[in-house]
Amino acid sequence: MVRRYRKFDEDSKAGAVRLVSETGKPIAQIAWELGVNDGTLGNWVTAARRQRDGNNGPLSEDERAELARLRKENAELRMQRDVHQRSVALWVTEAMGR
């Protein structure tokens, strides 16, 4: 059995996304009402949100600097955690007299 995929134009997609955002109904319900797969409608909504929020482009220099700083801080915190775990394990071993 050959599966046929329907093509939707941008106006149809935008209208469906607008229904989701304006009515507040669940994506699954609107998808059922429109005869569209709920995963497909969910993808359209996600793409519209990304486009609206501007999360498509590459990181700015400030964002890159913050990301590098946070990665460095994360690595330092992980090392501190590991040291604390080892010292607690050593303390417990000594306290138990082993």
N, C-alpha and C. Protein backbone atom coordinates (compact mmCIF):
# COMPACT_ATOMS: atom_id res chain seq x y z
N MET A 1 0.83 -1.17 0.00
CA MET A 1 0.00 0.00 0.00
C MET A 1 0.89 1.25 0.00
N VAL A 2 0.68 2.10 -0.94
CA VAL A 2 1.48 3.31 -1.07
C VAL A 2 0.90 4.40 -0.19
N ARG A 3 1.76 5.02 0.56
CA ARG A 3 1.33 6.09 1.45
C ARG A 3 1.44 7.42 0.72
N ARG A 4 0.38 8.18 0.74
CA ARG A 4 0.38 9.48 0.07
C ARG A 4 0.51 10.58 1.11
N TYR A 5 1.40 11.48 0.85
CA TYR A 5 1.61 12.61 1.73
C TYR A 5 0.96 13.84 1.12
N ARG A 6 0.24 14.55 1.95
CA ARG A 6 -0.40 15.78 1.48
C ARG A 6 0.59 16.93 1.62
N LYS A 7 0.47 17.86 0.73
CA LYS A 7 1.30 19.06 0.78
C LYS A 7 0.43 20.20 1.31
N PHE A 8 0.99 20.96 2.23
CA PHE A 8 0.28 22.10 2.80
C PHE A 8 1.03 23.37 2.44
N ASP A 9 0.30 24.36 1.97
CA ASP A 9 0.96 25.63 1.66
C ASP A 9 1.19 26.42 2.95
N GLU A 10 2.00 27.45 2.85
CA GLU A 10 2.39 28.22 4.03
C GLU A 10 1.20 28.90 4.70
N ASP A 11 0.20 29.30 3.91
CA ASP A 11 -0.98 29.93 4.49
C ASP A 11 -1.76 28.95 5.36
N SER A 12 -1.87 27.71 4.91
CA SER A 12 -2.57 26.69 5.69
C SER A 12 -1.83 26.41 6.99
N LYS A 13 -0.52 26.31 6.89
CA LYS A 13 0.29 26.06 8.09
C LYS A 13 0.15 27.22 9.08
N ALA A 14 0.24 28.45 8.56
CA ALA A 14 0.14 29.62 9.44
C ALA A 14 -1.23 29.69 10.09
N GLY A 15 -2.27 29.35 9.35
CA GLY A 15 -3.62 29.36 9.92
C GLY A 15 -3.77 28.33 11.02
N ALA A 16 -3.22 27.16 10.82
CA ALA A 16 -3.29 26.11 11.84
C ALA A 16 -2.52 26.51 13.09
N VAL A 17 -1.35 27.10 12.90
CA VAL A 17 -0.54 27.56 14.04
C VAL A 17 -1.27 28.67 14.78
N ARG A 18 -1.92 29.56 14.04
CA ARG A 18 -2.68 30.64 14.66
C ARG A 18 -3.83 30.09 15.49
N LEU A 19 -4.48 29.04 15.00
CA LEU A 19 -5.56 28.40 15.78
C LEU A 19 -5.04 27.88 17.11
N VAL A 20 -3.87 27.27 17.09
CA VAL A 20 -3.29 26.74 18.32
C VAL A 20 -3.00 27.87 19.30
N SER A 21 -2.39 28.94 18.80
CA SER A 21 -1.99 30.02 19.71
C SER A 21 -3.17 30.85 20.19
N GLU A 22 -4.18 31.05 19.35
CA GLU A 22 -5.29 31.92 19.73
C GLU A 22 -6.37 31.22 20.55
N THR A 23 -6.60 29.94 20.27
CA THR A 23 -7.68 29.25 20.99
C THR A 23 -7.22 28.64 22.30
N GLY A 24 -5.95 28.30 22.38
CA GLY A 24 -5.45 27.66 23.60
C GLY A 24 -5.82 26.19 23.69
N LYS A 25 -6.42 25.65 22.64
CA LYS A 25 -6.76 24.23 22.61
C LYS A 25 -5.49 23.41 22.43
N PRO A 26 -5.52 22.16 22.86
CA PRO A 26 -4.35 21.29 22.66
C PRO A 26 -4.08 21.06 21.17
N ILE A 27 -2.82 20.89 20.86
CA ILE A 27 -2.41 20.65 19.47
C ILE A 27 -3.12 19.42 18.91
N ALA A 28 -3.22 18.37 19.72
CA ALA A 28 -3.85 17.13 19.25
C ALA A 28 -5.30 17.37 18.84
N GLN A 29 -6.02 18.17 19.60
CA GLN A 29 -7.43 18.42 19.29
C GLN A 29 -7.57 19.21 17.99
N ILE A 30 -6.77 20.25 17.84
CA ILE A 30 -6.85 21.05 16.62
C ILE A 30 -6.40 20.23 15.42
N ALA A 31 -5.37 19.41 15.60
CA ALA A 31 -4.91 18.56 14.51
C ALA A 31 -6.02 17.61 14.07
N TRP A 32 -6.73 17.04 15.03
CA TRP A 32 -7.83 16.12 14.71
C TRP A 32 -8.93 16.87 13.96
N GLU A 33 -9.26 18.08 14.42
CA GLU A 33 -10.30 18.88 13.78
C GLU A 33 -9.93 19.24 12.34
N LEU A 34 -8.64 19.47 12.10
CA LEU A 34 -8.18 19.86 10.76
C LEU A 34 -7.83 18.66 9.89
N GLY A 35 -7.76 17.48 10.48
CA GLY A 35 -7.38 16.30 9.72
C GLY A 35 -5.90 16.23 9.43
N VAL A 36 -5.10 16.76 10.35
CA VAL A 36 -3.65 16.78 10.21
C VAL A 36 -3.06 15.93 11.32
N ASN A 37 -1.95 15.29 11.05
CA ASN A 37 -1.26 14.53 12.09
C ASN A 37 -0.81 15.49 13.18
N ASP A 38 -1.01 15.09 14.44
CA ASP A 38 -0.67 15.99 15.54
C ASP A 38 0.83 16.26 15.63
N GLY A 39 1.66 15.30 15.24
CA GLY A 39 3.10 15.53 15.21
C GLY A 39 3.48 16.58 14.17
N THR A 40 2.81 16.54 13.04
CA THR A 40 3.06 17.52 11.99
C THR A 40 2.69 18.92 12.46
N LEU A 41 1.50 19.05 13.06
CA LEU A 41 1.08 20.35 13.57
C LEU A 41 2.02 20.83 14.67
N GLY A 42 2.46 19.91 15.51
CA GLY A 42 3.41 20.26 16.56
C GLY A 42 4.71 20.80 15.99
N ASN A 43 5.18 20.19 14.90
CA ASN A 43 6.40 20.68 14.24
C ASN A 43 6.19 22.08 13.69
N TRP A 44 5.01 22.33 13.11
CA TRP A 44 4.72 23.67 12.59
C TRP A 44 4.72 24.70 13.71
N VAL A 45 4.11 24.35 14.83
CA VAL A 45 4.04 25.27 15.97
C VAL A 45 5.44 25.55 16.50
N THR A 46 6.25 24.51 16.64
CA THR A 46 7.62 24.68 17.12
C THR A 46 8.43 25.57 16.18
N ALA A 47 8.31 25.34 14.88
CA ALA A 47 9.04 26.15 13.91
C ALA A 47 8.60 27.61 13.97
N ALA A 48 7.29 27.84 14.13
CA ALA A 48 6.78 29.21 14.22
C ALA A 48 7.29 29.90 15.48
N ARG A 49 7.34 29.17 16.58
CA ARG A 49 7.85 29.75 17.83
C ARG A 49 9.32 30.10 17.70
N ARG A 50 10.09 29.22 17.09
CA ARG A 50 11.53 29.49 16.91
C ARG A 50 11.74 30.71 16.03
N GLN A 51 10.95 30.80 14.98
CA GLN A 51 11.07 31.93 14.07
C GLN A 51 10.67 33.22 14.78
N ARG A 52 9.61 33.15 15.57
CA ARG A 52 9.14 34.33 16.30
C ARG A 52 10.16 34.77 17.34
N ASP A 53 10.76 33.80 18.04
CA ASP A 53 11.69 34.13 19.11
C ASP A 53 13.09 34.45 18.59
N GLY A 54 13.35 34.14 17.35
CA GLY A 54 14.66 34.46 16.77
C GLY A 54 15.76 33.52 17.20
N ASN A 55 15.46 32.26 17.47
CA ASN A 55 16.46 31.30 17.93
C ASN A 55 17.06 30.52 16.77
N ASN A 56 17.01 31.07 15.58
CA ASN A 56 17.51 30.33 14.42
C ASN A 56 18.98 30.57 14.15
N GLY A 57 19.46 31.76 14.42
CA GLY A 57 20.80 32.15 14.00
C GLY A 57 21.90 31.65 14.91
N PRO A 58 23.12 31.90 14.49
CA PRO A 58 24.27 31.51 15.30
C PRO A 58 24.38 32.40 16.54
N LEU A 59 25.20 31.98 17.47
CA LEU A 59 25.38 32.71 18.72
C LEU A 59 26.16 34.00 18.48
N SER A 60 25.80 35.03 19.22
CA SER A 60 26.55 36.28 19.16
C SER A 60 27.84 36.13 19.96
N GLU A 61 28.71 37.11 19.87
CA GLU A 61 29.97 37.06 20.62
C GLU A 61 29.72 37.04 22.12
N ASP A 62 28.75 37.83 22.58
CA ASP A 62 28.42 37.84 24.01
C ASP A 62 27.91 36.47 24.46
N GLU A 63 27.08 35.86 23.63
CA GLU A 63 26.55 34.53 23.98
C GLU A 63 27.66 33.49 23.99
N ARG A 64 28.58 33.59 23.03
CA ARG A 64 29.71 32.66 23.00
C ARG A 64 30.59 32.81 24.25
N ALA A 65 30.83 34.06 24.64
CA ALA A 65 31.65 34.31 25.83
C ALA A 65 30.96 33.77 27.07
N GLU A 66 29.65 34.00 27.18
CA GLU A 66 28.92 33.49 28.33
C GLU A 66 28.91 31.96 28.35
N LEU A 67 28.74 31.35 27.18
CA LEU A 67 28.75 29.90 27.09
C LEU A 67 30.10 29.34 27.53
N ALA A 68 31.19 29.95 27.09
CA ALA A 68 32.53 29.50 27.49
C ALA A 68 32.71 29.64 29.00
N ARG A 69 32.25 30.77 29.55
CA ARG A 69 32.37 30.99 31.00
C ARG A 69 31.56 29.95 31.77
N LEU A 70 30.35 29.67 31.31
CA LEU A 70 29.51 28.70 32.01
C LEU A 70 30.07 27.28 31.90
N ARG A 71 30.66 26.94 30.77
CA ARG A 71 31.28 25.62 30.62
C ARG A 71 32.47 25.47 31.57
N LYS A 72 33.26 26.54 31.67
CA LYS A 72 34.41 26.51 32.58
C LYS A 72 33.93 26.37 34.03
N GLU A 73 32.92 27.15 34.39
CA GLU A 73 32.37 27.08 35.75
C GLU A 73 31.79 25.69 36.03
N ASN A 74 31.13 25.12 35.04
CA ASN A 74 30.56 23.78 35.19
C ASN A 74 31.66 22.75 35.44
N ALA A 75 32.76 22.85 34.71
CA ALA A 75 33.87 21.92 34.90
C ALA A 75 34.47 22.06 36.29
N GLU A 76 34.62 23.30 36.76
CA GLU A 76 35.17 23.52 38.10
C GLU A 76 34.24 22.95 39.18
N LEU A 77 32.95 23.16 39.01
CA LEU A 77 31.99 22.63 39.99
C LEU A 77 31.98 21.10 40.01
N ARG A 78 32.13 20.50 38.84
CA ARG A 78 32.20 19.03 38.79
C ARG A 78 33.45 18.52 39.51
N MET A 79 34.57 19.21 39.32
CA MET A 79 35.79 18.80 40.02
C MET A 79 35.62 18.94 41.53
N GLN A 80 35.02 20.04 41.98
CA GLN A 80 34.78 20.23 43.41
C GLN A 80 33.88 19.12 43.96
N ARG A 81 32.85 18.78 43.21
CA ARG A 81 31.95 17.71 43.64
C ARG A 81 32.69 16.40 43.77
N ASP A 82 33.54 16.09 42.80
CA ASP A 82 34.30 14.84 42.84
C ASP A 82 35.24 14.80 44.04
N VAL A 83 35.89 15.92 44.33
CA VAL A 83 36.79 15.99 45.49
C VAL A 83 36.00 15.75 46.77
N HIS A 84 34.85 16.39 46.89
CA HIS A 84 34.02 16.21 48.09
C HIS A 84 33.56 14.76 48.23
N GLN A 85 33.16 14.15 47.12
CA GLN A 85 32.73 12.75 47.17
C GLN A 85 33.86 11.84 47.63
N ARG A 86 35.06 12.08 47.11
CA ARG A 86 36.20 11.25 47.50
C ARG A 86 36.56 11.46 48.96
N SER A 87 36.50 12.70 49.42
CA SER A 87 36.85 12.95 50.82
C SER A 87 35.82 12.34 51.76
N VAL A 88 34.56 12.36 51.40
CA VAL A 88 33.53 11.73 52.23
C VAL A 88 33.73 10.22 52.23
N ALA A 89 34.04 9.65 51.09
CA ALA A 89 34.27 8.21 51.02
C ALA A 89 35.48 7.83 51.88
N LEU A 90 36.53 8.62 51.83
CA LEU A 90 37.71 8.36 52.64
C LEU A 90 37.38 8.48 54.13
N TRP A 91 36.63 9.51 54.49
CA TRP A 91 36.24 9.72 55.88
C TRP A 91 35.40 8.56 56.40
N VAL A 92 34.47 8.08 55.60
CA VAL A 92 33.62 6.96 56.01
C VAL A 92 34.46 5.71 56.18
N THR A 93 35.39 5.47 55.27
CA THR A 93 36.26 4.30 55.36
C THR A 93 37.08 4.35 56.63
N GLU A 94 37.64 5.50 56.96
CA GLU A 94 38.44 5.64 58.18
C GLU A 94 37.57 5.52 59.43
N ALA A 95 36.37 6.05 59.38
CA ALA A 95 35.47 6.00 60.53
C ALA A 95 35.03 4.57 60.83
N MET A 96 34.96 3.75 59.81
CA MET A 96 34.55 2.37 60.00
C MET A 96 35.72 1.49 60.42
N GLY A 97 36.92 2.05 60.45
CA GLY A 97 38.09 1.33 60.93
C GLY A 97 38.67 0.36 59.93
N ARG A 98 38.55 0.66 58.69
CA ARG A 98 39.10 -0.25 57.68
C ARG A 98 40.41 0.21 57.18
